[in-house]
PDB file of all heavy atoms in Angstrom:
ATOM      1  N   VAL A   1      22.538 -38.715   0.783  1.00  0.00           N
ATOM      2  CA  VAL A   1      22.924 -37.382   1.248  1.00  0.00           C
ATOM      3  C   VAL A   1      22.965 -36.392   0.080  1.00  0.00           C
ATOM      4  O   VAL A   1      22.449 -35.281   0.177  1.00  0.00           O
ATOM      5  CB  VAL A   1      24.300 -37.434   1.951  1.00  0.00           C
ATOM      6  CG1 VAL A   1      24.825 -36.011   2.193  1.00  0.00           C
ATOM      7  CG2 VAL A   1      24.191 -38.179   3.266  1.00  0.00           C
ATOM      8  N   VAL A   2      23.558 -36.815  -1.030  1.00  0.00           N
ATOM      9  CA  VAL A   2      23.658 -35.942  -2.206  1.00  0.00           C
ATOM     10  C   VAL A   2      22.276 -35.609  -2.749  1.00  0.00           C
ATOM     11  O   VAL A   2      21.972 -34.440  -3.044  1.00  0.00           O
ATOM     12  CB  VAL A   2      24.523 -36.594  -3.301  1.00  0.00           C
ATOM     13  CG1 VAL A   2      24.428 -35.802  -4.602  1.00  0.00           C
ATOM     14  CG2 VAL A   2      25.975 -36.681  -2.848  1.00  0.00           C
ATOM     15  N   ILE A   3      21.433 -36.641  -2.879  1.00  0.00           N
ATOM     16  CA  ILE A   3      20.064 -36.424  -3.367  1.00  0.00           C
ATOM     17  C   ILE A   3      19.297 -35.521  -2.400  1.00  0.00           C
ATOM     18  O   ILE A   3      18.584 -34.591  -2.813  1.00  0.00           O
ATOM     19  CB  ILE A   3      19.330 -37.757  -3.560  1.00  0.00           C
ATOM     20  CG1 ILE A   3      19.951 -38.548  -4.709  1.00  0.00           C
ATOM     21  CG2 ILE A   3      17.848 -37.512  -3.832  1.00  0.00           C
ATOM     22  CD1 ILE A   3      19.878 -37.873  -6.061  1.00  0.00           C
ATOM     23  N   GLY A   4      19.450 -35.797  -1.088  1.00  0.00           N
ATOM     24  CA  GLY A   4      18.741 -34.999  -0.093  1.00  0.00           C
ATOM     25  C   GLY A   4      19.186 -33.549  -0.108  1.00  0.00           C
ATOM     26  O   GLY A   4      18.364 -32.631  -0.092  1.00  0.00           O
ATOM     27  N   PHE A   5      20.502 -33.340  -0.160  1.00  0.00           N
ATOM     28  CA  PHE A   5      21.027 -31.972  -0.194  1.00  0.00           C
ATOM     29  C   PHE A   5      20.610 -31.265  -1.476  1.00  0.00           C
ATOM     30  O   PHE A   5      20.206 -30.096  -1.444  1.00  0.00           O
ATOM     31  CB  PHE A   5      22.550 -31.994  -0.088  1.00  0.00           C
ATOM     32  CG  PHE A   5      23.171 -30.629  -0.147  1.00  0.00           C
ATOM     33  CD1 PHE A   5      23.193 -29.805   0.966  1.00  0.00           C
ATOM     34  CD2 PHE A   5      23.713 -30.149  -1.337  1.00  0.00           C
ATOM     35  CE1 PHE A   5      23.743 -28.533   0.906  1.00  0.00           C
ATOM     36  CE2 PHE A   5      24.266 -28.879  -1.408  1.00  0.00           C
ATOM     37  CZ  PHE A   5      24.286 -28.071  -0.274  1.00  0.00           C
ATOM     38  N   SER A   6      20.694 -31.974  -2.594  1.00  0.00           N
ATOM     39  CA  SER A   6      20.309 -31.377  -3.879  1.00  0.00           C
ATOM     40  C   SER A   6      18.835 -31.006  -3.886  1.00  0.00           C
ATOM     41  O   SER A   6      18.454 -29.929  -4.358  1.00  0.00           O
ATOM     42  CB  SER A   6      20.603 -32.353  -5.027  1.00  0.00           C
ATOM     43  OG  SER A   6      21.979 -32.647  -5.095  1.00  0.00           O
ATOM     44  N   SER A   7      18.006 -31.908  -3.348  1.00  0.00           N
ATOM     45  CA  SER A   7      16.562 -31.643  -3.280  1.00  0.00           C
ATOM     46  C   SER A   7      16.284 -30.446  -2.383  1.00  0.00           C
ATOM     47  O   SER A   7      15.462 -29.577  -2.707  1.00  0.00           O
ATOM     48  CB  SER A   7      15.817 -32.873  -2.758  1.00  0.00           C
ATOM     49  OG  SER A   7      15.999 -33.971  -3.616  1.00  0.00           O
ATOM     50  N   PHE A   8      16.971 -30.395  -1.230  1.00  0.00           N
ATOM     51  CA  PHE A   8      16.798 -29.277  -0.308  1.00  0.00           C
ATOM     52  C   PHE A   8      17.234 -27.968  -0.960  1.00  0.00           C
ATOM     53  O   PHE A   8      16.566 -26.947  -0.841  1.00  0.00           O
ATOM     54  CB  PHE A   8      17.604 -29.526   0.966  1.00  0.00           C
ATOM     55  CG  PHE A   8      17.483 -28.448   1.999  1.00  0.00           C
ATOM     56  CD1 PHE A   8      16.356 -28.366   2.806  1.00  0.00           C
ATOM     57  CD2 PHE A   8      18.480 -27.494   2.164  1.00  0.00           C
ATOM     58  CE1 PHE A   8      16.226 -27.358   3.757  1.00  0.00           C
ATOM     59  CE2 PHE A   8      18.365 -26.489   3.103  1.00  0.00           C
ATOM     60  CZ  PHE A   8      17.237 -26.424   3.901  1.00  0.00           C
ATOM     61  N   TYR A   9      18.366 -28.021  -1.669  1.00  0.00           N
ATOM     62  CA  TYR A   9      18.879 -26.828  -2.357  1.00  0.00           C
ATOM     63  C   TYR A   9      17.891 -26.346  -3.413  1.00  0.00           C
ATOM     64  O   TYR A   9      17.560 -25.155  -3.477  1.00  0.00           O
ATOM     65  CB  TYR A   9      20.231 -27.140  -3.010  1.00  0.00           C
ATOM     66  CG  TYR A   9      20.802 -25.983  -3.789  1.00  0.00           C
ATOM     67  CD1 TYR A   9      21.574 -25.009  -3.163  1.00  0.00           C
ATOM     68  CD2 TYR A   9      20.561 -25.852  -5.160  1.00  0.00           C
ATOM     69  CE1 TYR A   9      22.096 -23.934  -3.873  1.00  0.00           C
ATOM     70  CE2 TYR A   9      21.077 -24.781  -5.876  1.00  0.00           C
ATOM     71  CZ  TYR A   9      21.840 -23.838  -5.232  1.00  0.00           C
ATOM     72  OH  TYR A   9      22.342 -22.775  -5.936  1.00  0.00           O
ATOM     73  N   ILE A  10      17.410 -27.265  -4.232  1.00  0.00           N
ATOM     74  CA  ILE A  10      16.465 -26.906  -5.299  1.00  0.00           C
ATOM     75  C   ILE A  10      15.182 -26.349  -4.707  1.00  0.00           C
ATOM     76  O   ILE A  10      14.642 -25.338  -5.178  1.00  0.00           O
ATOM     77  CB  ILE A  10      16.168 -28.129  -6.189  1.00  0.00           C
ATOM     78  CG1 ILE A  10      17.426 -28.498  -6.994  1.00  0.00           C
ATOM     79  CG2 ILE A  10      15.007 -27.848  -7.138  1.00  0.00           C
ATOM     80  CD1 ILE A  10      17.316 -29.807  -7.725  1.00  0.00           C
ATOM     81  N   TYR A  11      14.701 -26.987  -3.627  1.00  0.00           N
ATOM     82  CA  TYR A  11      13.450 -26.530  -3.002  1.00  0.00           C
ATOM     83  C   TYR A  11      13.608 -25.137  -2.407  1.00  0.00           C
ATOM     84  O   TYR A  11      12.789 -24.241  -2.646  1.00  0.00           O
ATOM     85  CB  TYR A  11      13.018 -27.505  -1.912  1.00  0.00           C
ATOM     86  CG  TYR A  11      11.779 -27.044  -1.178  1.00  0.00           C
ATOM     87  CD1 TYR A  11      10.513 -27.213  -1.732  1.00  0.00           C
ATOM     88  CD2 TYR A  11      11.883 -26.405   0.057  1.00  0.00           C
ATOM     89  CE1 TYR A  11       9.379 -26.765  -1.069  1.00  0.00           C
ATOM     90  CE2 TYR A  11      10.760 -25.951   0.717  1.00  0.00           C
ATOM     91  CZ  TYR A  11       9.510 -26.127   0.147  1.00  0.00           C
ATOM     92  OH  TYR A  11       8.404 -25.675   0.802  1.00  0.00           O
ATOM     93  N   THR A  12      14.674 -24.936  -1.599  1.00  0.00           N
ATOM     94  CA  THR A  12      14.838 -23.649  -0.918  1.00  0.00           C
ATOM     95  C   THR A  12      15.227 -22.526  -1.869  1.00  0.00           C
ATOM     96  O   THR A  12      14.914 -21.365  -1.623  1.00  0.00           O
ATOM     97  CB  THR A  12      15.909 -23.752   0.190  1.00  0.00           C
ATOM     98  OG1 THR A  12      17.142 -24.225  -0.375  1.00  0.00           O
ATOM     99  CG2 THR A  12      15.458 -24.708   1.280  1.00  0.00           C
ATOM    100  N   LYS A  13      15.905 -22.887  -2.963  1.00  0.00           N
ATOM    101  CA  LYS A  13      16.382 -21.879  -3.906  1.00  0.00           C
ATOM    102  C   LYS A  13      15.335 -21.521  -4.953  1.00  0.00           C
ATOM    103  O   LYS A  13      15.150 -20.342  -5.274  1.00  0.00           O
ATOM    104  CB  LYS A  13      17.645 -22.400  -4.605  1.00  0.00           C
ATOM    105  CG  LYS A  13      18.211 -21.486  -5.686  1.00  0.00           C
ATOM    106  CD  LYS A  13      18.875 -20.266  -5.123  1.00  0.00           C
ATOM    107  CE  LYS A  13      19.584 -19.472  -6.207  1.00  0.00           C
ATOM    108  NZ  LYS A  13      20.211 -18.237  -5.677  1.00  0.00           N
ATOM    109  N   TYR A  14      14.608 -22.532  -5.463  1.00  0.00           N
ATOM    110  CA  TYR A  14      13.745 -22.298  -6.621  1.00  0.00           C
ATOM    111  C   TYR A  14      12.254 -22.515  -6.349  1.00  0.00           C
ATOM    112  O   TYR A  14      11.425 -21.953  -7.058  1.00  0.00           O
ATOM    113  CB  TYR A  14      14.178 -23.194  -7.786  1.00  0.00           C
ATOM    114  CG  TYR A  14      15.600 -22.948  -8.216  1.00  0.00           C
ATOM    115  CD1 TYR A  14      16.608 -23.851  -7.908  1.00  0.00           C
ATOM    116  CD2 TYR A  14      15.945 -21.795  -8.910  1.00  0.00           C
ATOM    117  CE1 TYR A  14      17.922 -23.632  -8.290  1.00  0.00           C
ATOM    118  CE2 TYR A  14      17.264 -21.555  -9.296  1.00  0.00           C
ATOM    119  CZ  TYR A  14      18.251 -22.480  -8.986  1.00  0.00           C
ATOM    120  OH  TYR A  14      19.541 -22.252  -9.355  1.00  0.00           O
ATOM    121  N   VAL A  15      11.921 -23.326  -5.371  1.00  0.00           N
ATOM    122  CA  VAL A  15      10.504 -23.605  -5.095  1.00  0.00           C
ATOM    123  C   VAL A  15       9.988 -22.704  -3.977  1.00  0.00           C
ATOM    124  O   VAL A  15       8.995 -21.987  -4.145  1.00  0.00           O
ATOM    125  CB  VAL A  15      10.288 -25.090  -4.723  1.00  0.00           C
ATOM    126  CG1 VAL A  15       8.811 -25.340  -4.391  1.00  0.00           C
ATOM    127  CG2 VAL A  15      10.739 -25.987  -5.869  1.00  0.00           C
ATOM    128  N   ALA A  16      10.663 -22.708  -2.834  1.00  0.00           N
ATOM    129  CA  ALA A  16      10.195 -21.953  -1.670  1.00  0.00           C
ATOM    130  C   ALA A  16      10.287 -20.445  -1.857  1.00  0.00           C
ATOM    131  O   ALA A  16       9.633 -19.691  -1.140  1.00  0.00           O
ATOM    132  CB  ALA A  16      10.975 -22.366  -0.424  1.00  0.00           C
ATOM    133  N   THR A  17      11.100 -19.998  -2.809  1.00  0.00           N
ATOM    134  CA  THR A  17      11.193 -18.557  -3.077  1.00  0.00           C
ATOM    135  C   THR A  17      10.130 -18.093  -4.061  1.00  0.00           C
ATOM    136  O   THR A  17      10.025 -16.905  -4.350  1.00  0.00           O
ATOM    137  CB  THR A  17      12.582 -18.193  -3.635  1.00  0.00           C
ATOM    138  OG1 THR A  17      12.841 -18.981  -4.792  1.00  0.00           O
ATOM    139  CG2 THR A  17      13.664 -18.431  -2.604  1.00  0.00           C
ATOM    140  N   ASN A  18       9.347 -19.042  -4.575  1.00  0.00           N
ATOM    141  CA  ASN A  18       8.274 -18.726  -5.517  1.00  0.00           C
ATOM    142  C   ASN A  18       6.936 -19.197  -4.947  1.00  0.00           C
ATOM    143  O   ASN A  18       6.848 -19.570  -3.787  1.00  0.00           O
ATOM    144  CB  ASN A  18       8.556 -19.404  -6.870  1.00  0.00           C
ATOM    145  CG  ASN A  18       9.764 -18.794  -7.555  1.00  0.00           C
ATOM    146  OD1 ASN A  18       9.715 -17.693  -8.065  1.00  0.00           O
ATOM    147  ND2 ASN A  18      10.874 -19.533  -7.554  1.00  0.00           N
ATOM    148  N   GLY A  19       5.916 -19.170  -5.760  1.00  0.00           N
ATOM    149  CA  GLY A  19       4.614 -19.641  -5.281  1.00  0.00           C
ATOM    150  C   GLY A  19       4.020 -18.719  -4.240  1.00  0.00           C
ATOM    151  O   GLY A  19       3.730 -19.115  -3.107  1.00  0.00           O
ATOM    152  N   LEU A  20       3.884 -17.447  -4.603  1.00  0.00           N
ATOM    153  CA  LEU A  20       3.355 -16.430  -3.689  1.00  0.00           C
ATOM    154  C   LEU A  20       1.988 -16.839  -3.144  1.00  0.00           C
ATOM    155  O   LEU A  20       1.115 -17.264  -3.879  1.00  0.00           O
ATOM    156  CB  LEU A  20       3.233 -15.097  -4.439  1.00  0.00           C
ATOM    157  CG  LEU A  20       2.812 -13.874  -3.640  1.00  0.00           C
ATOM    158  CD1 LEU A  20       3.913 -13.462  -2.674  1.00  0.00           C
ATOM    159  CD2 LEU A  20       2.494 -12.722  -4.589  1.00  0.00           C
ATOM    160  N   ILE A  21       1.816 -16.706  -1.825  1.00  0.00           N
ATOM    161  CA  ILE A  21       0.548 -17.044  -1.193  1.00  0.00           C
ATOM    162  C   ILE A  21      -0.089 -15.786  -0.590  1.00  0.00           C
ATOM    163  O   ILE A  21       0.607 -14.817  -0.279  1.00  0.00           O
ATOM    164  CB  ILE A  21       0.708 -18.125  -0.101  1.00  0.00           C
ATOM    165  CG1 ILE A  21       1.689 -17.654   0.990  1.00  0.00           C
ATOM    166  CG2 ILE A  21       1.180 -19.433  -0.712  1.00  0.00           C
ATOM    167  CD1 ILE A  21       1.828 -18.632   2.137  1.00  0.00           C
ATOM    168  N   ILE A  22      -1.408 -15.813  -0.439  1.00  0.00           N
ATOM    169  CA  ILE A  22      -2.153 -14.716   0.173  1.00  0.00           C
ATOM    170  C   ILE A  22      -2.601 -15.157   1.563  1.00  0.00           C
ATOM    171  O   ILE A  22      -3.273 -16.171   1.718  1.00  0.00           O
ATOM    172  CB  ILE A  22      -3.387 -14.335  -0.670  1.00  0.00           C
ATOM    173  CG1 ILE A  22      -2.991 -14.041  -2.121  1.00  0.00           C
ATOM    174  CG2 ILE A  22      -4.093 -13.131  -0.045  1.00  0.00           C
ATOM    175  CD1 ILE A  22      -2.108 -12.845  -2.302  1.00  0.00           C
ATOM    176  N   LYS A  23      -2.208 -14.397   2.569  1.00  0.00           N
ATOM    177  CA  LYS A  23      -2.627 -14.687   3.946  1.00  0.00           C
ATOM    178  C   LYS A  23      -3.739 -13.713   4.316  1.00  0.00           C
ATOM    179  O   LYS A  23      -3.511 -12.511   4.436  1.00  0.00           O
ATOM    180  CB  LYS A  23      -1.446 -14.537   4.903  1.00  0.00           C
ATOM    181  CG  LYS A  23      -0.312 -15.519   4.646  1.00  0.00           C
ATOM    182  CD  LYS A  23       0.839 -15.284   5.620  1.00  0.00           C
ATOM    183  CE  LYS A  23       1.986 -16.240   5.366  1.00  0.00           C
ATOM    184  NZ  LYS A  23       3.128 -15.980   6.282  1.00  0.00           N
ATOM    185  N   GLU A  24      -4.931 -14.252   4.500  1.00  0.00           N
ATOM    186  CA  GLU A  24      -6.080 -13.397   4.776  1.00  0.00           C
ATOM    187  C   GLU A  24      -6.422 -13.435   6.265  1.00  0.00           C
ATOM    188  O   GLU A  24      -6.513 -14.502   6.874  1.00  0.00           O
ATOM    189  CB  GLU A  24      -7.282 -13.846   3.942  1.00  0.00           C
ATOM    190  CG  GLU A  24      -8.479 -12.931   4.085  1.00  0.00           C
ATOM    191  CD  GLU A  24      -9.575 -13.237   3.077  1.00  0.00           C
ATOM    192  OE1 GLU A  24      -9.312 -13.988   2.112  1.00  0.00           O
ATOM    193  OE2 GLU A  24     -10.697 -12.706   3.253  1.00  0.00           O
ATOM    194  N   LYS A  25      -6.600 -12.251   6.844  1.00  0.00           N
ATOM    195  CA  LYS A  25      -6.925 -12.122   8.264  1.00  0.00           C
ATOM    196  C   LYS A  25      -8.093 -11.155   8.452  1.00  0.00           C
ATOM    197  O   LYS A  25      -8.221 -10.170   7.719  1.00  0.00           O
ATOM    198  CB  LYS A  25      -5.723 -11.589   9.048  1.00  0.00           C
ATOM    199  CG  LYS A  25      -4.446 -12.391   8.888  1.00  0.00           C
ATOM    200  CD  LYS A  25      -4.525 -13.735   9.561  1.00  0.00           C
ATOM    201  CE  LYS A  25      -3.188 -14.474   9.422  1.00  0.00           C
ATOM    202  NZ  LYS A  25      -3.246 -15.823  10.040  1.00  0.00           N
ATOM    203  N   ARG A  26      -8.932 -11.445   9.426  1.00  0.00           N
ATOM    204  CA  ARG A  26     -10.029 -10.549   9.787  1.00  0.00           C
ATOM    205  C   ARG A  26      -9.684  -9.892  11.115  1.00  0.00           C
ATOM    206  O   ARG A  26      -9.364 -10.578  12.088  1.00  0.00           O
ATOM    207  CB  ARG A  26     -11.338 -11.322   9.896  1.00  0.00           C
ATOM    208  CG  ARG A  26     -12.589 -10.451  10.052  1.00  0.00           C
ATOM    209  CD  ARG A  26     -13.833 -11.297   9.836  1.00  0.00           C
ATOM    210  NE  ARG A  26     -15.047 -10.501   9.894  1.00  0.00           N
ATOM    211  CZ  ARG A  26     -15.785 -10.353  10.992  1.00  0.00           C
ATOM    212  NH1 ARG A  26     -15.425 -10.957  12.120  1.00  0.00           N
ATOM    213  NH2 ARG A  26     -16.887  -9.626  10.969  1.00  0.00           N
ATOM    214  N   ILE A  27      -9.725  -8.561  11.164  1.00  0.00           N
ATOM    215  CA  ILE A  27      -9.365  -7.820  12.374  1.00  0.00           C
ATOM    216  C   ILE A  27     -10.593  -7.085  12.888  1.00  0.00           C
ATOM    217  O   ILE A  27     -11.167  -6.255  12.181  1.00  0.00           O
ATOM    218  CB  ILE A  27      -8.228  -6.823  12.079  1.00  0.00           C
ATOM    219  CG1 ILE A  27      -6.979  -7.591  11.612  1.00  0.00           C
ATOM    220  CG2 ILE A  27      -7.906  -5.993  13.304  1.00  0.00           C
ATOM    221  CD1 ILE A  27      -5.863  -6.705  11.157  1.00  0.00           C
ATOM    222  N   VAL A  28     -10.975  -7.419  14.102  1.00  0.00           N
ATOM    223  CA  VAL A  28     -12.195  -6.850  14.694  1.00  0.00           C
ATOM    224  C   VAL A  28     -11.823  -5.861  15.787  1.00  0.00           C
ATOM    225  O   VAL A  28     -10.990  -6.154  16.658  1.00  0.00           O
ATOM    226  CB  VAL A  28     -13.082  -7.962  15.272  1.00  0.00           C
ATOM    227  CG1 VAL A  28     -14.346  -7.358  15.893  1.00  0.00           C
ATOM    228  CG2 VAL A  28     -13.448  -8.978  14.199  1.00  0.00           C
ATOM    229  N   SER A  29     -12.433  -4.662  15.745  1.00  0.00           N
ATOM    230  CA  SER A  29     -12.204  -3.672  16.789  1.00  0.00           C
ATOM    231  C   SER A  29     -13.409  -2.745  16.885  1.00  0.00           C
ATOM    232  O   SER A  29     -13.869  -2.204  15.876  1.00  0.00           O
ATOM    233  CB  SER A  29     -10.951  -2.843  16.480  1.00  0.00           C
ATOM    234  OG  SER A  29     -10.808  -1.791  17.425  1.00  0.00           O
ATOM    235  N   ASN A  30     -13.882  -2.558  18.116  1.00  0.00           N
ATOM    236  CA  ASN A  30     -14.999  -1.627  18.306  1.00  0.00           C
ATOM    237  C   ASN A  30     -14.522  -0.175  18.316  1.00  0.00           C
ATOM    238  O   ASN A  30     -15.322   0.744  18.437  1.00  0.00           O
ATOM    239  CB  ASN A  30     -15.760  -1.947  19.599  1.00  0.00           C
ATOM    240  CG  ASN A  30     -14.869  -1.927  20.828  1.00  0.00           C
ATOM    241  OD1 ASN A  30     -13.748  -1.425  20.791  1.00  0.00           O
ATOM    242  ND2 ASN A  30     -15.361  -2.494  21.934  1.00  0.00           N
ATOM    243  N   ARG A  31     -13.202   0.019  18.169  1.00  0.00           N
ATOM    244  CA  ARG A  31     -12.656   1.377  18.069  1.00  0.00           C
ATOM    245  C   ARG A  31     -12.716   1.907  16.646  1.00  0.00           C
ATOM    246  O   ARG A  31     -12.494   3.096  16.403  1.00  0.00           O
ATOM    247  CB  ARG A  31     -11.195   1.387  18.567  1.00  0.00           C
ATOM    248  CG  ARG A  31     -11.083   1.330  20.091  1.00  0.00           C
ATOM    249  CD  ARG A  31      -9.641   1.161  20.564  1.00  0.00           C
ATOM    250  NE  ARG A  31      -8.676   1.970  19.845  1.00  0.00           N
ATOM    251  CZ  ARG A  31      -8.453   3.280  20.048  1.00  0.00           C
ATOM    252  NH1 ARG A  31      -9.186   3.934  20.966  1.00  0.00           N
ATOM    253  NH2 ARG A  31      -7.528   3.924  19.371  1.00  0.00           N
ATOM    254  N   LEU A  32     -12.991   1.037  15.706  1.00  0.00           N
ATOM    255  CA  LEU A  32     -13.096   1.462  14.313  1.00  0.00           C
ATOM    256  C   LEU A  32     -14.365   2.273  14.078  1.00  0.00           C
ATOM    257  O   LEU A  32     -15.441   1.897  14.569  1.00  0.00           O
ATOM    258  CB  LEU A  32     -13.129   0.244  13.394  1.00  0.00           C
ATOM    259  CG  LEU A  32     -11.812  -0.345  12.918  1.00  0.00           C
ATOM    260  CD1 LEU A  32     -12.069  -1.707  12.281  1.00  0.00           C
ATOM    261  CD2 LEU A  32     -11.123   0.591  11.927  1.00  0.00           C
ATOM    262  N   PRO A  33     -14.277   3.367  13.333  1.00  0.00           N
ATOM    263  CA  PRO A  33     -15.508   4.053  12.903  1.00  0.00           C
ATOM    264  C   PRO A  33     -16.344   3.091  12.058  1.00  0.00           C
ATOM    265  O   PRO A  33     -15.799   2.257  11.325  1.00  0.00           O
ATOM    266  CB  PRO A  33     -14.981   5.216  12.065  1.00  0.00           C
ATOM    267  CG  PRO A  33     -13.575   5.424  12.513  1.00  0.00           C
ATOM    268  CD  PRO A  33     -13.063   4.065  12.878  1.00  0.00           C
ATOM    269  N   LYS A  34     -17.656   3.215  12.151  1.00  0.00           N
ATOM    270  CA  LYS A  34     -18.524   2.306  11.396  1.00  0.00           C
ATOM    271  C   LYS A  34     -18.284   2.392   9.894  1.00  0.00           C
ATOM    272  O   LYS A  34     -18.481   1.406   9.168  1.00  0.00           O
ATOM    273  CB  LYS A  34     -19.990   2.619  11.709  1.00  0.00           C
ATOM    274  CG  LYS A  34     -20.392   2.239  13.130  1.00  0.00           C
ATOM    275  CD  LYS A  34     -21.874   2.485  13.371  1.00  0.00           C
ATOM    276  CE  LYS A  34     -22.272   2.060  14.789  1.00  0.00           C
ATOM    277  NZ  LYS A  34     -23.722   2.308  15.041  1.00  0.00           N
ATOM    278  N   SER A  35     -17.854   3.547   9.431  1.00  0.00           N
ATOM    279  CA  SER A  35     -17.616   3.703   7.993  1.00  0.00           C
ATOM    280  C   SER A  35     -16.454   2.833   7.504  1.00  0.00           C
ATOM    281  O   SER A  35     -16.326   2.571   6.305  1.00  0.00           O
ATOM    282  CB  SER A  35     -17.329   5.174   7.660  1.00  0.00           C
ATOM    283  OG  SER A  35     -16.199   5.640   8.376  1.00  0.00           O
ATOM    284  N   PHE A  36     -15.611   2.376   8.427  1.00  0.00           N
ATOM    285  CA  PHE A  36     -14.475   1.529   8.057  1.00  0.00           C
ATOM    286  C   PHE A  36     -14.771   0.040   8.185  1.00  0.00           C
ATOM    287  O   PHE A  36     -13.887  -0.788   7.971  1.00  0.00           O
ATOM    288  CB  PHE A  36     -13.239   1.898   8.882  1.00  0.00           C
ATOM    289  CG  PHE A  36     -12.535   3.126   8.384  1.00  0.00           C
ATOM    290  CD1 PHE A  36     -12.926   4.381   8.812  1.00  0.00           C
ATOM    291  CD2 PHE A  36     -11.493   3.035   7.471  1.00  0.00           C
ATOM    292  CE1 PHE A  36     -12.299   5.531   8.350  1.00  0.00           C
ATOM    293  CE2 PHE A  36     -10.856   4.168   6.994  1.00  0.00           C
ATOM    294  CZ  PHE A  36     -11.257   5.430   7.437  1.00  0.00           C
ATOM    295  N   ASP A  37     -15.997  -0.285   8.536  1.00  0.00           N
ATOM    296  CA  ASP A  37     -16.382  -1.698   8.576  1.00  0.00           C
ATOM    297  C   ASP A  37     -16.243  -2.292   7.170  1.00  0.00           C
ATOM    298  O   ASP A  37     -16.675  -1.686   6.187  1.00  0.00           O
ATOM    299  CB  ASP A  37     -17.826  -1.837   9.065  1.00  0.00           C
ATOM    300  CG  ASP A  37     -18.197  -3.276   9.342  1.00  0.00           C
ATOM    301  OD1 ASP A  37     -17.423  -3.970  10.014  1.00  0.00           O
ATOM    302  OD2 ASP A  37     -19.253  -3.712   8.856  1.00  0.00           O
ATOM    303  N   SER A  38     -15.603  -3.461   7.071  1.00  0.00           N
ATOM    304  CA  SER A  38     -15.360  -4.162   5.793  1.00  0.00           C
ATOM    305  C   SER A  38     -14.268  -3.508   4.942  1.00  0.00           C
ATOM    306  O   SER A  38     -14.128  -3.838   3.759  1.00  0.00           O
ATOM    307  CB  SER A  38     -16.653  -4.268   4.964  1.00  0.00           C
ATOM    308  OG  SER A  38     -17.639  -4.977   5.681  1.00  0.00           O
ATOM    309  N   THR A  39     -13.516  -2.599   5.536  1.00  0.00           N
ATOM    310  CA  THR A  39     -12.387  -2.007   4.811  1.00  0.00           C
ATOM    311  C   THR A  39     -11.334  -3.079   4.526  1.00  0.00           C
ATOM    312  O   THR A  39     -11.011  -3.897   5.386  1.00  0.00           O
ATOM    313  CB  THR A  39     -11.748  -0.866   5.627  1.00  0.00           C
ATOM    314  OG1 THR A  39     -12.702   0.198   5.747  1.00  0.00           O
ATOM    315  CG2 THR A  39     -10.496  -0.337   4.967  1.00  0.00           C
ATOM    316  N   LYS A  40     -10.803  -3.060   3.315  1.00  0.00           N
ATOM    317  CA  LYS A  40      -9.811  -4.057   2.904  1.00  0.00           C
ATOM    318  C   LYS A  40      -8.429  -3.402   2.772  1.00  0.00           C
ATOM    319  O   LYS A  40      -8.285  -2.378   2.117  1.00  0.00           O
ATOM    320  CB  LYS A  40     -10.225  -4.698   1.585  1.00  0.00           C
ATOM    321  CG  LYS A  40     -11.491  -5.537   1.691  1.00  0.00           C
ATOM    322  CD  LYS A  40     -11.873  -6.171   0.362  1.00  0.00           C
ATOM    323  CE  LYS A  40     -12.441  -5.145  -0.591  1.00  0.00           C
ATOM    324  NZ  LYS A  40     -12.969  -5.779  -1.838  1.00  0.00           N
ATOM    325  N   ILE A  41      -7.451  -4.028   3.430  1.00  0.00           N
ATOM    326  CA  ILE A  41      -6.079  -3.536   3.402  1.00  0.00           C
ATOM    327  C   ILE A  41      -5.160  -4.619   2.859  1.00  0.00           C
ATOM    328  O   ILE A  41      -5.169  -5.762   3.336  1.00  0.00           O
ATOM    329  CB  ILE A  41      -5.593  -3.114   4.802  1.00  0.00           C
ATOM    330  CG1 ILE A  41      -6.453  -1.971   5.355  1.00  0.00           C
ATOM    331  CG2 ILE A  41      -4.121  -2.697   4.763  1.00  0.00           C
ATOM    332  CD1 ILE A  41      -6.093  -1.564   6.779  1.00  0.00           C
ATOM    333  N   ILE A  42      -4.380  -4.264   1.867  1.00  0.00           N
ATOM    334  CA  ILE A  42      -3.327  -5.155   1.361  1.00  0.00           C
ATOM    335  C   ILE A  42      -1.990  -4.669   1.897  1.00  0.00           C
ATOM    336  O   ILE A  42      -1.658  -3.488   1.795  1.00  0.00           O
ATOM    337  CB  ILE A  42      -3.273  -5.158  -0.183  1.00  0.00           C
ATOM    338  CG1 ILE A  42      -4.486  -5.884  -0.777  1.00  0.00           C
ATOM    339  CG2 ILE A  42      -1.976  -5.811  -0.670  1.00  0.00           C
ATOM    340  CD1 ILE A  42      -4.434  -7.392  -0.695  1.00  0.00           C
ATOM    341  N   HIS A  43      -1.238  -5.580   2.491  1.00  0.00           N
ATOM    342  CA  HIS A  43       0.092  -5.246   3.004  1.00  0.00           C
ATOM    343  C   HIS A  43       1.117  -6.154   2.340  1.00  0.00           C
ATOM    344  O   HIS A  43       1.028  -7.373   2.428  1.00  0.00           O
ATOM    345  CB  HIS A  43       0.131  -5.439   4.529  1.00  0.00           C
ATOM    346  CG  HIS A  43       1.506  -5.342   5.118  1.00  0.00           C
ATOM    347  ND1 HIS A  43       1.912  -6.126   6.184  1.00  0.00           N
ATOM    348  CD2 HIS A  43       2.582  -4.563   4.792  1.00  0.00           C
ATOM    349  CE1 HIS A  43       3.158  -5.833   6.487  1.00  0.00           C
ATOM    350  NE2 HIS A  43       3.588  -4.895   5.657  1.00  0.00           N
ATOM    351  N   PHE A  44       2.093  -5.540   1.651  1.00  0.00           N
ATOM    352  CA  PHE A  44       3.195  -6.331   1.114  1.00  0.00           C
ATOM    353  C   PHE A  44       4.513  -5.646   1.429  1.00  0.00           C
ATOM    354  O   PHE A  44       4.551  -4.455   1.752  1.00  0.00           O
ATOM    355  CB  PHE A  44       3.027  -6.599  -0.389  1.00  0.00           C
ATOM    356  CG  PHE A  44       3.219  -5.417  -1.304  1.00  0.00           C
ATOM    357  CD1 PHE A  44       4.332  -5.333  -2.119  1.00  0.00           C
ATOM    358  CD2 PHE A  44       2.264  -4.405  -1.383  1.00  0.00           C
ATOM    359  CE1 PHE A  44       4.510  -4.255  -2.991  1.00  0.00           C
ATOM    360  CE2 PHE A  44       2.426  -3.331  -2.243  1.00  0.00           C
ATOM    361  CZ  PHE A  44       3.552  -3.254  -3.052  1.00  0.00           C
TER     362      PHE A  44
END
């Protein structure tokens, strides 16, 4: 229990709060002007 709790604490406190990941999505819409085809948007 102590090892499990300590591991969970260390993971949630120091590991899971770091290691930034990039989530890439492709959004298709025929309402977009053609000039915006392949436009790249970063959201943070």
